[in-house]
């Protein structure tokens, strides 16, 4: 199974980013037929959304780091995406 065939949900962030870079490279080359370009664009948009969601989740986890009395990180709190900030 190639990266192009792999379901996006099964990809790591790094795999999805590499696949997105490949899509961009292929689209920028101008050598792809129109129908394939449209398919590539759709896959690229899905990859972009998946990467952004993973980055947002990572940022939220980082923001949940608990600081100790000395101001240094003392641990983390679980991030609950469903709860209001």
PDB file of N, CA and C in Angstrom:
ATOM      1  N   UNK A   1       0.855  -1.179   0.000  1.00  0.00           N
ATOM      2  CA  UNK A   1       0.000   0.000   0.000  1.00  0.00           C
ATOM      3  C   UNK A   1       0.899   1.240   0.000  1.00  0.00           C
ATOM      4  N   UNK A   2       0.663   2.174  -0.905  1.00  0.00           N
ATOM      5  CA  UNK A   2       1.459   3.394  -0.991  1.00  0.00           C
ATOM      6  C   UNK A   2       0.848   4.458  -0.087  1.00  0.00           C
ATOM      7  N   UNK A   3       1.608   5.545   0.122  1.00  0.00           N
ATOM      8  CA  UNK A   3       1.083   6.644   0.945  1.00  0.00           C
ATOM      9  C   UNK A   3      -0.187   7.218   0.336  1.00  0.00           C
ATOM     10  N   UNK A   4      -0.267   7.175  -0.992  1.00  0.00           N
ATOM     11  CA  UNK A   4      -1.438   7.726  -1.664  1.00  0.00           C
ATOM     12  C   UNK A   4      -2.673   6.868  -1.396  1.00  0.00           C
ATOM     13  N   UNK A   5      -2.483   5.569  -1.130  1.00  0.00           N
ATOM     14  CA  UNK A   5      -3.598   4.663  -0.874  1.00  0.00           C
ATOM     15  C   UNK A   5      -3.920   4.521   0.607  1.00  0.00           C
ATOM     16  N   UNK A   6      -2.995   4.904   1.457  1.00  0.00           N
ATOM     17  CA  UNK A   6      -3.176   4.749   2.896  1.00  0.00           C
ATOM     18  C   UNK A   6      -4.266   5.685   3.399  1.00  0.00           C
ATOM     19  N   UNK A   7      -5.223   5.155   4.181  1.00  0.00           N
ATOM     20  CA  UNK A   7      -6.220   6.044   4.772  1.00  0.00           C
ATOM     21  C   UNK A   7      -5.527   7.083   5.664  1.00  0.00           C
ATOM     22  N   UNK A   8      -5.957   8.311   5.556  1.00  0.00           N
ATOM     23  CA  UNK A   8      -5.314   9.404   6.289  1.00  0.00           C
ATOM     24  C   UNK A   8      -5.374   9.172   7.793  1.00  0.00           C
ATOM     25  N   UNK A   9      -6.453   8.613   8.274  1.00  0.00           N
ATOM     26  CA  UNK A   9      -6.595   8.374   9.713  1.00  0.00           C
ATOM     27  C   UNK A   9      -5.555   7.383  10.230  1.00  0.00           C
ATOM     28  N   UNK A  10      -5.006   6.546   9.343  1.00  0.00           N
ATOM     29  CA  UNK A  10      -4.005   5.563   9.745  1.00  0.00           C
ATOM     30  C   UNK A  10      -2.584   6.100   9.667  1.00  0.00           C
ATOM     31  N   UNK A  11      -2.423   7.321   9.180  1.00  0.00           N
ATOM     32  CA  UNK A  11      -1.091   7.906   9.018  1.00  0.00           C
ATOM     33  C   UNK A  11      -0.655   8.635  10.278  1.00  0.00           C
ATOM     34  N   UNK A  12       0.654   8.588  10.522  1.00  0.00           N
ATOM     35  CA  UNK A  12       1.211   9.432  11.576  1.00  0.00           C
ATOM     36  C   UNK A  12       1.244  10.860  11.032  1.00  0.00           C
ATOM     37  N   UNK A  13       1.502  11.817  11.915  1.00  0.00           N
ATOM     38  CA  UNK A  13       1.608  13.206  11.469  1.00  0.00           C
ATOM     39  C   UNK A  13       2.688  13.340  10.400  1.00  0.00           C
ATOM     40  N   UNK A  14       3.825  12.705  10.639  1.00  0.00           N
ATOM     41  CA  UNK A  14       4.949  12.809   9.708  1.00  0.00           C
ATOM     42  C   UNK A  14       4.620  12.208   8.345  1.00  0.00           C
ATOM     43  N   UNK A  15       3.925  11.068   8.339  1.00  0.00           N
ATOM     44  CA  UNK A  15       3.524  10.447   7.077  1.00  0.00           C
ATOM     45  C   UNK A  15       2.545  11.337   6.327  1.00  0.00           C
ATOM     46  N   UNK A  16       1.588  11.901   7.048  1.00  0.00           N
ATOM     47  CA  UNK A  16       0.603  12.777   6.414  1.00  0.00           C
ATOM     48  C   UNK A  16       1.265  14.024   5.847  1.00  0.00           C
ATOM     49  N   UNK A  17       2.221  14.574   6.576  1.00  0.00           N
ATOM     50  CA  UNK A  17       2.925  15.760   6.095  1.00  0.00           C
ATOM     51  C   UNK A  17       3.740  15.440   4.841  1.00  0.00           C
ATOM     52  N   UNK A  18       4.427  14.293   4.845  1.00  0.00           N
ATOM     53  CA  UNK A  18       5.178  13.880   3.644  1.00  0.00           C
ATOM     54  C   UNK A  18       4.245  13.690   2.453  1.00  0.00           C
ATOM     55  N   UNK A  19       3.087  13.064   2.693  1.00  0.00           N
ATOM     56  CA  UNK A  19       2.118  12.847   1.623  1.00  0.00           C
ATOM     57  C   UNK A  19       1.595  14.182   1.098  1.00  0.00           C
ATOM     58  N   UNK A  20       1.353  15.139   1.997  1.00  0.00           N
ATOM     59  CA  UNK A  20       0.896  16.463   1.590  1.00  0.00           C
ATOM     60  C   UNK A  20       1.964  17.161   0.754  1.00  0.00           C
ATOM     61  N   UNK A  21       3.212  17.069   1.179  1.00  0.00           N
ATOM     62  CA  UNK A  21       4.304  17.664   0.408  1.00  0.00           C
ATOM     63  C   UNK A  21       4.398  17.039  -0.983  1.00  0.00           C
ATOM     64  N   UNK A  22       4.164  15.735  -1.075  1.00  0.00           N
ATOM     65  CA  UNK A  22       4.187  15.050  -2.374  1.00  0.00           C
ATOM     66  C   UNK A  22       3.046  15.546  -3.262  1.00  0.00           C
ATOM     67  N   UNK A  23       1.862  15.713  -2.678  1.00  0.00           N
ATOM     68  CA  UNK A  23       0.715  16.230  -3.440  1.00  0.00           C
ATOM     69  C   UNK A  23       1.035  17.620  -3.982  1.00  0.00           C
ATOM     70  N   UNK A  24       1.573  18.478  -3.143  1.00  0.00           N
ATOM     71  CA  UNK A  24       1.902  19.846  -3.558  1.00  0.00           C
ATOM     72  C   UNK A  24       2.938  19.816  -4.681  1.00  0.00           C
ATOM     73  N   UNK A  25       3.956  18.989  -4.515  1.00  0.00           N
ATOM     74  CA  UNK A  25       5.009  18.883  -5.527  1.00  0.00           C
ATOM     75  C   UNK A  25       4.431  18.437  -6.880  1.00  0.00           C
ATOM     76  N   UNK A  26       3.546  17.450  -6.830  1.00  0.00           N
ATOM     77  CA  UNK A  26       2.944  16.949  -8.076  1.00  0.00           C
ATOM     78  C   UNK A  26       2.044  18.000  -8.722  1.00  0.00           C
ATOM     79  N   UNK A  27       1.266  18.704  -7.908  1.00  0.00           N
ATOM     80  CA  UNK A  27       0.398  19.740  -8.460  1.00  0.00           C
ATOM     81  C   UNK A  27       1.206  20.888  -9.050  1.00  0.00           C
ATOM     82  N   UNK A  28       2.286  21.266  -8.374  1.00  0.00           N
ATOM     83  CA  UNK A  28       3.103  22.374  -8.850  1.00  0.00           C
ATOM     84  C   UNK A  28       3.865  22.030 -10.129  1.00  0.00           C
ATOM     85  N   UNK A  29       4.075  20.738 -10.371  1.00  0.00           N
ATOM     86  CA  UNK A  29       4.822  20.340 -11.564  1.00  0.00           C
ATOM     87  C   UNK A  29       4.058  20.683 -12.840  1.00  0.00           C
ATOM     88  N   UNK A  30       2.734  20.695 -12.752  1.00  0.00           N
ATOM     89  CA  UNK A  30       1.915  20.998 -13.925  1.00  0.00           C
ATOM     90  C   UNK A  30       1.818  19.852 -14.917  1.00  0.00           C
ATOM     91  N   UNK A  31       2.362  18.689 -14.566  1.00  0.00           N
ATOM     92  CA  UNK A  31       2.360  17.540 -15.467  1.00  0.00           C
ATOM     93  C   UNK A  31       1.224  16.569 -15.201  1.00  0.00           C
ATOM     94  N   UNK A  32       0.303  16.929 -14.324  1.00  0.00           N
ATOM     95  CA  UNK A  32      -0.776  16.035 -13.935  1.00  0.00           C
ATOM     96  C   UNK A  32      -2.045  16.409 -14.710  1.00  0.00           C
ATOM     97  N   UNK A  33      -2.725  15.414 -15.295  1.00  0.00           N
ATOM     98  CA  UNK A  33      -3.977  15.709 -16.001  1.00  0.00           C
ATOM     99  C   UNK A  33      -5.022  16.336 -15.061  1.00  0.00           C
ATOM    100  N   UNK A  34      -5.961  17.062 -15.632  1.00  0.00           N
ATOM    101  CA  UNK A  34      -6.950  17.814 -14.857  1.00  0.00           C
ATOM    102  C   UNK A  34      -7.698  16.950 -13.851  1.00  0.00           C
ATOM    103  N   UNK A  35      -8.242  15.820 -14.284  1.00  0.00           N
ATOM    104  CA  UNK A  35      -9.014  14.978 -13.364  1.00  0.00           C
ATOM    105  C   UNK A  35      -8.157  14.490 -12.197  1.00  0.00           C
ATOM    106  N   UNK A  36      -6.928  14.114 -12.498  1.00  0.00           N
ATOM    107  CA  UNK A  36      -6.030  13.670 -11.429  1.00  0.00           C
ATOM    108  C   UNK A  36      -5.652  14.841 -10.522  1.00  0.00           C
ATOM    109  N   UNK A  37      -5.514  16.024 -11.098  1.00  0.00           N
ATOM    110  CA  UNK A  37      -5.209  17.214 -10.302  1.00  0.00           C
ATOM    111  C   UNK A  37      -6.317  17.487  -9.297  1.00  0.00           C
ATOM    112  N   UNK A  38      -7.550  17.329  -9.725  1.00  0.00           N
ATOM    113  CA  UNK A  38      -8.685  17.552  -8.820  1.00  0.00           C
ATOM    114  C   UNK A  38      -8.660  16.533  -7.684  1.00  0.00           C
ATOM    115  N   UNK A  39      -8.399  15.260  -8.019  1.00  0.00           N
ATOM    116  CA  UNK A  39      -8.304  14.222  -6.992  1.00  0.00           C
ATOM    117  C   UNK A  39      -7.158  14.518  -6.025  1.00  0.00           C
ATOM    118  N   UNK A  40      -6.023  14.941  -6.566  1.00  0.00           N
ATOM    119  CA  UNK A  40      -4.881  15.283  -5.729  1.00  0.00           C
ATOM    120  C   UNK A  40      -5.201  16.457  -4.814  1.00  0.00           C
ATOM    121  N   UNK A  41      -5.873  17.461  -5.353  1.00  0.00           N
ATOM    122  CA  UNK A  41      -6.235  18.626  -4.551  1.00  0.00           C
ATOM    123  C   UNK A  41      -7.138  18.214  -3.384  1.00  0.00           C
ATOM    124  N   UNK A  42      -8.120  17.345  -3.657  1.00  0.00           N
ATOM    125  CA  UNK A  42      -9.026  16.889  -2.606  1.00  0.00           C
ATOM    126  C   UNK A  42      -8.267  16.114  -1.526  1.00  0.00           C
ATOM    127  N   UNK A  43      -7.355  15.242  -1.955  1.00  0.00           N
ATOM    128  CA  UNK A  43      -6.553  14.484  -0.979  1.00  0.00           C
ATOM    129  C   UNK A  43      -5.653  15.448  -0.191  1.00  0.00           C
ATOM    130  N   UNK A  44      -5.081  16.410  -0.880  1.00  0.00           N
ATOM    131  CA  UNK A  44      -4.233  17.385  -0.206  1.00  0.00           C
ATOM    132  C   UNK A  44      -4.984  18.163   0.845  1.00  0.00           C
ATOM    133  N   UNK A  45      -6.200  18.549   0.543  1.00  0.00           N
ATOM    134  CA  UNK A  45      -7.008  19.291   1.516  1.00  0.00           C
ATOM    135  C   UNK A  45      -7.327  18.412   2.730  1.00  0.00           C
ATOM    136  N   UNK A  46      -7.635  17.146   2.492  1.00  0.00           N
ATOM    137  CA  UNK A  46      -7.902  16.226   3.603  1.00  0.00           C
ATOM    138  C   UNK A  46      -6.641  16.019   4.446  1.00  0.00           C
ATOM    139  N   UNK A  47      -5.492  15.907   3.792  1.00  0.00           N
ATOM    140  CA  UNK A  47      -4.228  15.772   4.514  1.00  0.00           C
ATOM    141  C   UNK A  47      -3.929  17.029   5.331  1.00  0.00           C
ATOM    142  N   UNK A  48      -4.176  18.195   4.751  1.00  0.00           N
ATOM    143  CA  UNK A  48      -3.946  19.461   5.456  1.00  0.00           C
ATOM    144  C   UNK A  48      -4.806  19.535   6.708  1.00  0.00           C
ATOM    145  N   UNK A  49      -6.073  19.165   6.583  1.00  0.00           N
ATOM    146  CA  UNK A  49      -6.978  19.201   7.735  1.00  0.00           C
ATOM    147  C   UNK A  49      -6.521  18.234   8.822  1.00  0.00           C
ATOM    148  N   UNK A  50      -6.073  17.038   8.417  1.00  0.00           N
ATOM    149  CA  UNK A  50      -5.614  16.052   9.391  1.00  0.00           C
ATOM    150  C   UNK A  50      -4.361  16.558  10.115  1.00  0.00           C
ATOM    151  N   UNK A  51      -3.431  17.131   9.375  1.00  0.00           N
ATOM    152  CA  UNK A  51      -2.212  17.671   9.992  1.00  0.00           C
ATOM    153  C   UNK A  51      -2.555  18.812  10.937  1.00  0.00           C
ATOM    154  N   UNK A  52      -3.439  19.709  10.526  1.00  0.00           N
ATOM    155  CA  UNK A  52      -3.820  20.834  11.374  1.00  0.00           C
ATOM    156  C   UNK A  52      -4.493  20.356  12.657  1.00  0.00           C
ATOM    157  N   UNK A  53      -5.355  19.333  12.547  1.00  0.00           N
ATOM    158  CA  UNK A  53      -6.030  18.804  13.730  1.00  0.00           C
ATOM    159  C   UNK A  53      -5.012  18.218  14.709  1.00  0.00           C
ATOM    160  N   UNK A  54      -4.000  17.526  14.181  1.00  0.00           N
ATOM    161  CA  UNK A  54      -2.983  16.945  15.060  1.00  0.00           C
ATOM    162  C   UNK A  54      -2.130  18.034  15.697  1.00  0.00           C
ATOM    163  N   UNK A  55      -1.821  19.071  14.950  1.00  0.00           N
ATOM    164  CA  UNK A  55      -1.062  20.193  15.519  1.00  0.00           C
ATOM    165  C   UNK A  55      -1.872  20.907  16.599  1.00  0.00           C
ATOM    166  N   UNK A  56      -3.157  21.103  16.347  1.00  0.00           N
ATOM    167  CA  UNK A  56      -4.026  21.748  17.343  1.00  0.00           C
ATOM    168  C   UNK A  56      -4.097  20.916  18.620  1.00  0.00           C
ATOM    169  N   UNK A  57      -4.194  19.595  18.468  1.00  0.00           N
ATOM    170  CA  UNK A  57      -4.247  18.714  19.636  1.00  0.00           C
ATOM    171  C   UNK A  57      -2.936  18.771  20.410  1.00  0.00           C
ATOM    172  N   UNK A  58      -1.824  18.786  19.697  1.00  0.00           N
ATOM    173  CA  UNK A  58      -0.524  18.865  20.364  1.00  0.00           C
ATOM    174  C   UNK A  58      -0.388  20.189  21.103  1.00  0.00           C
ATOM    175  N   UNK A  59      -0.817  21.274  20.485  1.00  0.00           N
ATOM    176  CA  UNK A  59      -0.745  22.580  21.141  1.00  0.00           C
ATOM    177  C   UNK A  59      -1.597  22.596  22.397  1.00  0.00           C
ATOM    178  N   UNK A  60      -2.776  22.014  22.323  1.00  0.00           N
ATOM    179  CA  UNK A  60      -3.657  21.984  23.497  1.00  0.00           C
ATOM    180  C   UNK A  60      -3.012  21.192  24.624  1.00  0.00           C
ATOM    181  N   UNK A  61      -2.340  20.091  24.288  1.00  0.00           N
ATOM    182  CA  UNK A  61      -1.662  19.300  25.320  1.00  0.00           C
ATOM    183  C   UNK A  61      -0.538  20.102  25.955  1.00  0.00           C
ATOM    184  N   UNK A  62       0.202  20.827  25.142  1.00  0.00           N
ATOM    185  CA  UNK A  62       1.302  21.636  25.659  1.00  0.00           C
ATOM    186  C   UNK A  62       0.765  22.727  26.580  1.00  0.00           C
ATOM    187  N   UNK A  63      -0.350  23.334  26.201  1.00  0.00           N
ATOM    188  CA  UNK A  63      -0.936  24.396  27.018  1.00  0.00           C
ATOM    189  C   UNK A  63      -1.458  23.869  28.345  1.00  0.00           C
ATOM    190  N   UNK A  64      -1.658  22.573  28.461  1.00  0.00           N
ATOM    191  CA  UNK A  64      -2.174  21.987  29.693  1.00  0.00           C
ATOM    192  C   UNK A  64      -1.062  21.597  30.663  1.00  0.00           C
ATOM    193  N   UNK A  65       0.183  21.909  30.326  1.00  0.00           N
ATOM    194  CA  UNK A  65       1.284  21.578  31.231  1.00  0.00           C
ATOM    195  C   UNK A  65       1.095  22.337  32.538  1.00  0.00           C
ATOM    196  N   UNK A  66       1.183  21.620  33.615  1.00  0.00           N
ATOM    197  CA  UNK A  66       0.989  22.198  34.947  1.00  0.00           C
ATOM    198  C   UNK A  66       2.330  22.720  35.451  1.00  0.00           C
ATOM    199  N   UNK A  67       2.324  23.942  35.942  1.00  0.00           N
ATOM    200  CA  UNK A  67       3.541  24.511  36.497  1.00  0.00           C
ATOM    201  C   UNK A  67       3.554  24.324  38.011  1.00  0.00           C
ATOM    202  N   UNK A  68       4.730  23.993  38.506  1.00  0.00           N
ATOM    203  CA  UNK A  68       4.912  23.857  39.945  1.00  0.00           C
ATOM    204  C   UNK A  68       5.093  25.221  40.586  1.00  0.00           C
ATOM    205  N   UNK A  69       5.297  25.254  41.889  1.00  0.00           N
ATOM    206  CA  UNK A  69       5.462  26.503  42.633  1.00  0.00           C
ATOM    207  C   UNK A  69       6.681  27.282  42.168  1.00  0.00           C
ATOM    208  N   UNK A  70       7.681  26.573  41.652  1.00  0.00           N
ATOM    209  CA  UNK A  70       8.892  27.242  41.172  1.00  0.00           C
ATOM    210  C   UNK A  70       8.765  27.736  39.734  1.00  0.00           C
ATOM    211  N   UNK A  71       7.585  27.547  39.111  1.00  0.00           N
ATOM    212  CA  UNK A  71       7.354  28.013  37.749  1.00  0.00           C
ATOM    213  C   UNK A  71       7.817  27.054  36.674  1.00  0.00           C
ATOM    214  N   UNK A  72       8.363  25.919  37.093  1.00  0.00           N
ATOM    215  CA  UNK A  72       8.827  24.922  36.133  1.00  0.00           C
ATOM    216  C   UNK A  72       7.718  23.897  35.912  1.00  0.00           C
ATOM    217  N   UNK A  73       7.680  23.290  34.737  1.00  0.00           N
ATOM    218  CA  UNK A  73       6.663  22.270  34.481  1.00  0.00           C
ATOM    219  C   UNK A  73       6.759  21.142  35.501  1.00  0.00           C
ATOM    220  N   UNK A  74       5.627  20.807  36.092  1.00  0.00           N
ATOM    221  CA  UNK A  74       5.589  19.756  37.104  1.00  0.00           C
ATOM    222  C   UNK A  74       4.817  18.546  36.623  1.00  0.00           C
ATOM    223  N   UNK A  75       4.250  18.604  35.456  1.00  0.00           N
ATOM    224  CA  UNK A  75       3.464  17.505  34.923  1.00  0.00           C
ATOM    225  C   UNK A  75       2.480  18.029  33.908  1.00  0.00           C
ATOM    226  N   UNK A  76       1.547  17.201  33.542  1.00  0.00           N
ATOM    227  CA  UNK A  76       0.534  17.616  32.586  1.00  0.00           C
ATOM    228  C   UNK A  76      -0.839  17.249  33.110  1.00  0.00           C
ATOM    229  N   UNK A  77      -1.819  17.939  32.586  1.00  0.00           N
ATOM    230  CA  UNK A  77      -3.208  17.602  32.861  1.00  0.00           C
ATOM    231  C   UNK A  77      -3.791  17.012  31.591  1.00  0.00           C
ATOM    232  N   UNK A  78      -4.694  16.052  31.700  1.00  0.00           N
ATOM    233  CA  UNK A  78      -5.312  15.524  30.485  1.00  0.00           C
ATOM    234  C   UNK A  78      -6.101  16.634  29.778  1.00  0.00           C
ATOM    235  N   UNK A  79      -6.022  16.632  28.463  1.00  0.00           N
ATOM    236  CA  UNK A  79      -6.759  17.611  27.671  1.00  0.00           C
ATOM    237  C   UNK A  79      -8.084  17.001  27.271  1.00  0.00           C
ATOM    238  N   UNK A  80      -9.172  17.680  27.582  1.00  0.00           N
ATOM    239  CA  UNK A  80     -10.501  17.216  27.199  1.00  0.00           C
ATOM    240  C   UNK A  80     -11.004  18.163  26.134  1.00  0.00           C
ATOM    241  N   UNK A  81     -10.999  17.710  24.863  1.00  0.00           N
ATOM    242  CA  UNK A  81     -11.383  18.556  23.738  1.00  0.00           C
ATOM    243  C   UNK A  81     -12.838  19.004  23.841  1.00  0.00           C
ATOM    244  N   UNK A  82     -13.653  18.264  24.566  1.00  0.00           N
ATOM    245  CA  UNK A  82     -15.058  18.615  24.642  1.00  0.00           C
ATOM    246  C   UNK A  82     -15.404  19.637  25.705  1.00  0.00           C
ATOM    247  N   UNK A  83     -14.484  19.931  26.603  1.00  0.00           N
ATOM    248  CA  UNK A  83     -14.817  20.870  27.663  1.00  0.00           C
ATOM    249  C   UNK A  83     -14.468  22.293  27.267  1.00  0.00           C
ATOM    250  N   UNK A  84     -15.227  23.258  27.724  1.00  0.00           N
ATOM    251  CA  UNK A  84     -14.911  24.667  27.394  1.00  0.00           C
ATOM    252  C   UNK A  84     -13.626  25.093  28.099  1.00  0.00           C
ATOM    253  N   UNK A  85     -12.926  26.023  27.500  1.00  0.00           N
ATOM    254  CA  UNK A  85     -11.652  26.487  28.063  1.00  0.00           C
ATOM    255  C   UNK A  85     -11.844  27.340  29.275  1.00  0.00           C
TER     256      UNK A  85
END
